Amino acid sequence: MTKAQVIDLLDTLPDQFELEELFERLLFVQQLQERLAESEKDPGVSLEEARQRLNSPKQRAA
């Protein structure tokens, strides 16, 4: 997370806020950035592959 991102986040808060709210938002942004980075490394399953898995006989028996 960059200082600029923290400043941008602070600008979205009201003039008076609880410190806990700031921490929650910072944590949310950090977790979101981590998940986005993970998805860039491993894009996961394509929509077509997910459909095939859902329609396979093994999945229906489970």
PDB file of N, CA and C in Angstrom:
ATOM      1  N   MET A   1       0.861  -1.166   0.000  1.00  0.00           N
ATOM      2  CA  MET A   1       0.000   0.000   0.000  1.00  0.00           C
ATOM      3  C   MET A   1       0.910   1.232   0.000  1.00  0.00           C
ATOM      4  N   THR A   2       0.515   2.208  -0.765  1.00  0.00           N
ATOM      5  CA  THR A   2       1.316   3.427  -0.851  1.00  0.00           C
ATOM      6  C   THR A   2       0.729   4.524   0.029  1.00  0.00           C
ATOM      7  N   LYS A   3       1.554   5.517   0.289  1.00  0.00           N
ATOM      8  CA  LYS A   3       1.094   6.662   1.072  1.00  0.00           C
ATOM      9  C   LYS A   3      -0.049   7.369   0.343  1.00  0.00           C
ATOM     10  N   ALA A   4       0.053   7.447  -0.970  1.00  0.00           N
ATOM     11  CA  ALA A   4      -1.000   8.092  -1.759  1.00  0.00           C
ATOM     12  C   ALA A   4      -2.331   7.354  -1.608  1.00  0.00           C
ATOM     13  N   GLN A   5      -2.289   6.023  -1.555  1.00  0.00           N
ATOM     14  CA  GLN A   5      -3.519   5.248  -1.374  1.00  0.00           C
ATOM     15  C   GLN A   5      -4.133   5.512  -0.005  1.00  0.00           C
ATOM     16  N   VAL A   6      -3.283   5.634   1.008  1.00  0.00           N
ATOM     17  CA  VAL A   6      -3.782   5.926   2.356  1.00  0.00           C
ATOM     18  C   VAL A   6      -4.413   7.311   2.390  1.00  0.00           C
ATOM     19  N   ILE A   7      -3.775   8.266   1.748  1.00  0.00           N
ATOM     20  CA  ILE A   7      -4.318   9.629   1.709  1.00  0.00           C
ATOM     21  C   ILE A   7      -5.649   9.642   0.972  1.00  0.00           C
ATOM     22  N   ASP A   8      -5.735   8.923  -0.139  1.00  0.00           N
ATOM     23  CA  ASP A   8      -7.001   8.832  -0.878  1.00  0.00           C
ATOM     24  C   ASP A   8      -8.092   8.231  -0.008  1.00  0.00           C
ATOM     25  N   LEU A   9      -7.735   7.202   0.740  1.00  0.00           N
ATOM     26  CA  LEU A   9      -8.704   6.573   1.630  1.00  0.00           C
ATOM     27  C   LEU A   9      -9.145   7.548   2.720  1.00  0.00           C
ATOM     28  N   LEU A  10      -8.207   8.290   3.275  1.00  0.00           N
ATOM     29  CA  LEU A  10      -8.550   9.282   4.300  1.00  0.00           C
ATOM     30  C   LEU A  10      -9.511  10.330   3.752  1.00  0.00           C
ATOM     31  N   ASP A  11      -9.328  10.688   2.492  1.00  0.00           N
ATOM     32  CA  ASP A  11     -10.204  11.688   1.878  1.00  0.00           C
ATOM     33  C   ASP A  11     -11.641  11.198   1.741  1.00  0.00           C
ATOM     34  N   THR A  12     -11.861   9.885   1.773  1.00  0.00           N
ATOM     35  CA  THR A  12     -13.224   9.355   1.661  1.00  0.00           C
ATOM     36  C   THR A  12     -13.947   9.328   3.005  1.00  0.00           C
ATOM     37  N   LEU A  13     -13.195   9.491   4.082  1.00  0.00           N
ATOM     38  CA  LEU A  13     -13.796   9.449   5.418  1.00  0.00           C
ATOM     39  C   LEU A  13     -14.393  10.803   5.787  1.00  0.00           C
ATOM     40  N   PRO A  14     -15.384  10.798   6.662  1.00  0.00           N
ATOM     41  CA  PRO A  14     -15.923  12.069   7.143  1.00  0.00           C
ATOM     42  C   PRO A  14     -14.891  12.778   8.024  1.00  0.00           C
ATOM     43  N   ASP A  15     -15.151  14.027   8.363  1.00  0.00           N
ATOM     44  CA  ASP A  15     -14.213  14.790   9.191  1.00  0.00           C
ATOM     45  C   ASP A  15     -14.003  14.152  10.559  1.00  0.00           C
ATOM     46  N   GLN A  16     -15.034  13.554  11.108  1.00  0.00           N
ATOM     47  CA  GLN A  16     -14.940  12.847  12.388  1.00  0.00           C
ATOM     48  C   GLN A  16     -15.188  11.364  12.133  1.00  0.00           C
ATOM     49  N   PHE A  17     -14.277  10.516  12.577  1.00  0.00           N
ATOM     50  CA  PHE A  17     -14.451   9.080  12.399  1.00  0.00           C
ATOM     51  C   PHE A  17     -13.724   8.350  13.512  1.00  0.00           C
ATOM     52  N   GLU A  18     -14.130   7.116  13.709  1.00  0.00           N
ATOM     53  CA  GLU A  18     -13.481   6.259  14.694  1.00  0.00           C
ATOM     54  C   GLU A  18     -12.218   5.664  14.072  1.00  0.00           C
ATOM     55  N   LEU A  19     -11.187   5.525  14.871  1.00  0.00           N
ATOM     56  CA  LEU A  19      -9.946   4.939  14.396  1.00  0.00           C
ATOM     57  C   LEU A  19     -10.176   3.521  13.881  1.00  0.00           C
ATOM     58  N   GLU A  20     -11.086   2.809  14.513  1.00  0.00           N
ATOM     59  CA  GLU A  20     -11.422   1.449  14.096  1.00  0.00           C
ATOM     60  C   GLU A  20     -11.926   1.427  12.651  1.00  0.00           C
ATOM     61  N   GLU A  21     -12.693   2.432  12.260  1.00  0.00           N
ATOM     62  CA  GLU A  21     -13.198   2.495  10.883  1.00  0.00           C
ATOM     63  C   GLU A  21     -12.046   2.642   9.895  1.00  0.00           C
ATOM     64  N   LEU A  22     -11.074   3.470  10.244  1.00  0.00           N
ATOM     65  CA  LEU A  22      -9.900   3.635   9.384  1.00  0.00           C
ATOM     66  C   LEU A  22      -9.149   2.315   9.256  1.00  0.00           C
ATOM     67  N   PHE A  23      -8.927   1.640  10.377  1.00  0.00           N
ATOM     68  CA  PHE A  23      -8.232   0.354  10.346  1.00  0.00           C
ATOM     69  C   PHE A  23      -8.978  -0.660   9.490  1.00  0.00           C
ATOM     70  N   GLU A  24     -10.297  -0.708   9.635  1.00  0.00           N
ATOM     71  CA  GLU A  24     -11.097  -1.653   8.855  1.00  0.00           C
ATOM     72  C   GLU A  24     -10.970  -1.380   7.365  1.00  0.00           C
ATOM     73  N   ARG A  25     -11.013  -0.119   6.999  1.00  0.00           N
ATOM     74  CA  ARG A  25     -10.903   0.226   5.578  1.00  0.00           C
ATOM     75  C   ARG A  25      -9.511  -0.074   5.038  1.00  0.00           C
ATOM     76  N   LEU A  26      -8.484   0.231   5.844  1.00  0.00           N
ATOM     77  CA  LEU A  26      -7.121  -0.069   5.423  1.00  0.00           C
ATOM     78  C   LEU A  26      -6.928  -1.572   5.237  1.00  0.00           C
ATOM     79  N   LEU A  27      -7.454  -2.340   6.168  1.00  0.00           N
ATOM     80  CA  LEU A  27      -7.355  -3.794   6.081  1.00  0.00           C
ATOM     81  C   LEU A  27      -8.093  -4.311   4.851  1.00  0.00           C
ATOM     82  N   PHE A  28      -9.271  -3.767   4.590  1.00  0.00           N
ATOM     83  CA  PHE A  28     -10.046  -4.174   3.418  1.00  0.00           C
ATOM     84  C   PHE A  28      -9.265  -3.909   2.133  1.00  0.00           C
ATOM     85  N   VAL A  29      -8.696  -2.716   2.019  1.00  0.00           N
ATOM     86  CA  VAL A  29      -7.943  -2.361   0.810  1.00  0.00           C
ATOM     87  C   VAL A  29      -6.730  -3.274   0.659  1.00  0.00           C
ATOM     88  N   GLN A  30      -6.035  -3.528   1.762  1.00  0.00           N
ATOM     89  CA  GLN A  30      -4.871  -4.409   1.717  1.00  0.00           C
ATOM     90  C   GLN A  30      -5.266  -5.813   1.271  1.00  0.00           C
ATOM     91  N   GLN A  31      -6.327  -6.354   1.840  1.00  0.00           N
ATOM     92  CA  GLN A  31      -6.775  -7.697   1.467  1.00  0.00           C
ATOM     93  C   GLN A  31      -7.221  -7.748   0.010  1.00  0.00           C
ATOM     94  N   LEU A  32      -7.894  -6.713  -0.437  1.00  0.00           N
ATOM     95  CA  LEU A  32      -8.324  -6.656  -1.830  1.00  0.00           C
ATOM     96  C   LEU A  32      -7.120  -6.650  -2.768  1.00  0.00           C
ATOM     97  N   GLN A  33      -6.113  -5.861  -2.435  1.00  0.00           N
ATOM     98  CA  GLN A  33      -4.909  -5.815  -3.262  1.00  0.00           C
ATOM     99  C   GLN A  33      -4.205  -7.170  -3.294  1.00  0.00           C
ATOM    100  N   GLU A  34      -4.165  -7.849  -2.147  1.00  0.00           N
ATOM    101  CA  GLU A  34      -3.548  -9.174  -2.097  1.00  0.00           C
ATOM    102  C   GLU A  34      -4.301 -10.164  -2.979  1.00  0.00           C
ATOM    103  N   ARG A  35      -5.625 -10.138  -2.915  1.00  0.00           N
ATOM    104  CA  ARG A  35      -6.423 -11.067  -3.726  1.00  0.00           C
ATOM    105  C   ARG A  35      -6.275 -10.769  -5.210  1.00  0.00           C
ATOM    106  N   LEU A  36      -6.215  -9.488  -5.559  1.00  0.00           N
ATOM    107  CA  LEU A  36      -6.020  -9.131  -6.966  1.00  0.00           C
ATOM    108  C   LEU A  36      -4.664  -9.615  -7.462  1.00  0.00           C
ATOM    109  N   ALA A  37      -3.638  -9.465  -6.633  1.00  0.00           N
ATOM    110  CA  ALA A  37      -2.305  -9.940  -7.008  1.00  0.00           C
ATOM    111  C   ALA A  37      -2.312 -11.454  -7.177  1.00  0.00           C
ATOM    112  N   GLU A  38      -3.005 -12.165  -6.295  1.00  0.00           N
ATOM    113  CA  GLU A  38      -3.115 -13.621  -6.406  1.00  0.00           C
ATOM    114  C   GLU A  38      -3.817 -14.021  -7.697  1.00  0.00           C
ATOM    115  N   SER A  39      -4.871 -13.292  -8.040  1.00  0.00           N
ATOM    116  CA  SER A  39      -5.632 -13.648  -9.240  1.00  0.00           C
ATOM    117  C   SER A  39      -4.831 -13.384 -10.509  1.00  0.00           C
ATOM    118  N   GLU A  40      -3.897 -12.443 -10.451  1.00  0.00           N
ATOM    119  CA  GLU A  40      -3.048 -12.201 -11.613  1.00  0.00           C
ATOM    120  C   GLU A  40      -2.040 -13.330 -11.790  1.00  0.00           C
ATOM    121  N   LYS A  41      -1.570 -13.903 -10.674  1.00  0.00           N
ATOM    122  CA  LYS A  41      -0.618 -15.014 -10.735  1.00  0.00           C
ATOM    123  C   LYS A  41      -1.307 -16.307 -11.154  1.00  0.00           C
ATOM    124  N   ASP A  42      -2.499 -16.537 -10.618  1.00  0.00           N
ATOM    125  CA  ASP A  42      -3.257 -17.760 -10.900  1.00  0.00           C
ATOM    126  C   ASP A  42      -4.684 -17.361 -11.241  1.00  0.00           C
ATOM    127  N   PRO A  43      -4.993 -17.263 -12.530  1.00  0.00           N
ATOM    128  CA  PRO A  43      -6.320 -16.780 -12.912  1.00  0.00           C
ATOM    129  C   PRO A  43      -7.469 -17.697 -12.517  1.00  0.00           C
ATOM    130  N   GLY A  44      -7.154 -18.913 -12.059  1.00  0.00           N
ATOM    131  CA  GLY A  44      -8.223 -19.799 -11.609  1.00  0.00           C
ATOM    132  C   GLY A  44      -8.840 -20.575 -12.752  1.00  0.00           C
ATOM    133  N   VAL A  45     -10.109 -20.847 -12.629  1.00  0.00           N
ATOM    134  CA  VAL A  45     -10.840 -21.686 -13.566  1.00  0.00           C
ATOM    135  C   VAL A  45     -11.661 -20.798 -14.496  1.00  0.00           C
ATOM    136  N   SER A  46     -11.617 -21.129 -15.777  1.00  0.00           N
ATOM    137  CA  SER A  46     -12.421 -20.373 -16.735  1.00  0.00           C
ATOM    138  C   SER A  46     -13.898 -20.702 -16.542  1.00  0.00           C
ATOM    139  N   LEU A  47     -14.738 -19.857 -17.050  1.00  0.00           N
ATOM    140  CA  LEU A  47     -16.177 -20.075 -16.958  1.00  0.00           C
ATOM    141  C   LEU A  47     -16.564 -21.387 -17.625  1.00  0.00           C
ATOM    142  N   GLU A  48     -15.989 -21.655 -18.777  1.00  0.00           N
ATOM    143  CA  GLU A  48     -16.305 -22.893 -19.496  1.00  0.00           C
ATOM    144  C   GLU A  48     -15.871 -24.120 -18.695  1.00  0.00           C
ATOM    145  N   GLU A  49     -14.685 -24.065 -18.096  1.00  0.00           N
ATOM    146  CA  GLU A  49     -14.217 -25.192 -17.287  1.00  0.00           C
ATOM    147  C   GLU A  49     -15.109 -25.392 -16.061  1.00  0.00           C
ATOM    148  N   ALA A  50     -15.545 -24.317 -15.452  1.00  0.00           N
ATOM    149  CA  ALA A  50     -16.450 -24.422 -14.304  1.00  0.00           C
ATOM    150  C   ALA A  50     -17.761 -25.080 -14.716  1.00  0.00           C
ATOM    151  N   ARG A  51     -18.283 -24.709 -15.868  1.00  0.00           N
ATOM    152  CA  ARG A  51     -19.525 -25.322 -16.361  1.00  0.00           C
ATOM    153  C   ARG A  51     -19.337 -26.816 -16.605  1.00  0.00           C
ATOM    154  N   GLN A  52     -18.193 -27.168 -17.190  1.00  0.00           N
ATOM    155  CA  GLN A  52     -17.917 -28.583 -17.448  1.00  0.00           C
ATOM    156  C   GLN A  52     -17.824 -29.363 -16.142  1.00  0.00           C
ATOM    157  N   ARG A  53     -17.173 -28.780 -15.154  1.00  0.00           N
ATOM    158  CA  ARG A  53     -17.062 -29.452 -13.854  1.00  0.00           C
ATOM    159  C   ARG A  53     -18.429 -29.628 -13.203  1.00  0.00           C
ATOM    160  N   LEU A  54     -19.264 -28.612 -13.299  1.00  0.00           N
ATOM    161  CA  LEU A  54     -20.596 -28.694 -12.697  1.00  0.00           C
ATOM    162  C   LEU A  54     -21.476 -29.721 -13.403  1.00  0.00           C
ATOM    163  N   ASN A  55     -21.265 -29.898 -14.689  1.00  0.00           N
ATOM    164  CA  ASN A  55     -22.087 -30.824 -15.466  1.00  0.00           C
ATOM    165  C   ASN A  55     -21.513 -32.232 -15.541  1.00  0.00           C
ATOM    166  N   SER A  56     -20.332 -32.459 -14.963  1.00  0.00           N
ATOM    167  CA  SER A  56     -19.735 -33.796 -15.046  1.00  0.00           C
ATOM    168  C   SER A  56     -20.479 -34.764 -14.134  1.00  0.00           C
ATOM    169  N   PRO A  57     -20.551 -36.045 -14.518  1.00  0.00           N
ATOM    170  CA  PRO A  57     -21.274 -37.044 -13.712  1.00  0.00           C
ATOM    171  C   PRO A  57     -20.722 -37.173 -12.296  1.00  0.00           C
ATOM    172  N   LYS A  58     -19.415 -37.020 -12.106  1.00  0.00           N
ATOM    173  CA  LYS A  58     -18.827 -37.119 -10.773  1.00  0.00           C
ATOM    174  C   LYS A  58     -19.421 -36.079  -9.834  1.00  0.00           C
ATOM    175  N   GLN A  59     -19.593 -34.881 -10.323  1.00  0.00           N
ATOM    176  CA  GLN A  59     -20.110 -33.794  -9.497  1.00  0.00           C
ATOM    177  C   GLN A  59     -21.562 -34.035  -9.109  1.00  0.00           C
ATOM    178  N   ARG A  60     -22.340 -34.605 -10.009  1.00  0.00           N
ATOM    179  CA  ARG A  60     -23.756 -34.841  -9.710  1.00  0.00           C
ATOM    180  C   ARG A  60     -23.938 -35.938  -8.672  1.00  0.00           C
ATOM    181  N   ALA A  61     -23.032 -36.910  -8.647  1.00  0.00           N
ATOM    182  CA  ALA A  61     -23.139 -38.019  -7.695  1.00  0.00           C
ATOM    183  C   ALA A  61     -22.743 -37.592  -6.289  1.00  0.00           C
ATOM    184  N   ALA A  62     -21.979 -36.557  -6.156  1.00  0.00           N
ATOM    185  CA  ALA A  62     -21.477 -36.139  -4.837  1.00  0.00           C
ATOM    186  C   ALA A  62     -22.501 -35.478  -3.991  1.00  0.00           C
TER     187      ALA A  62
END
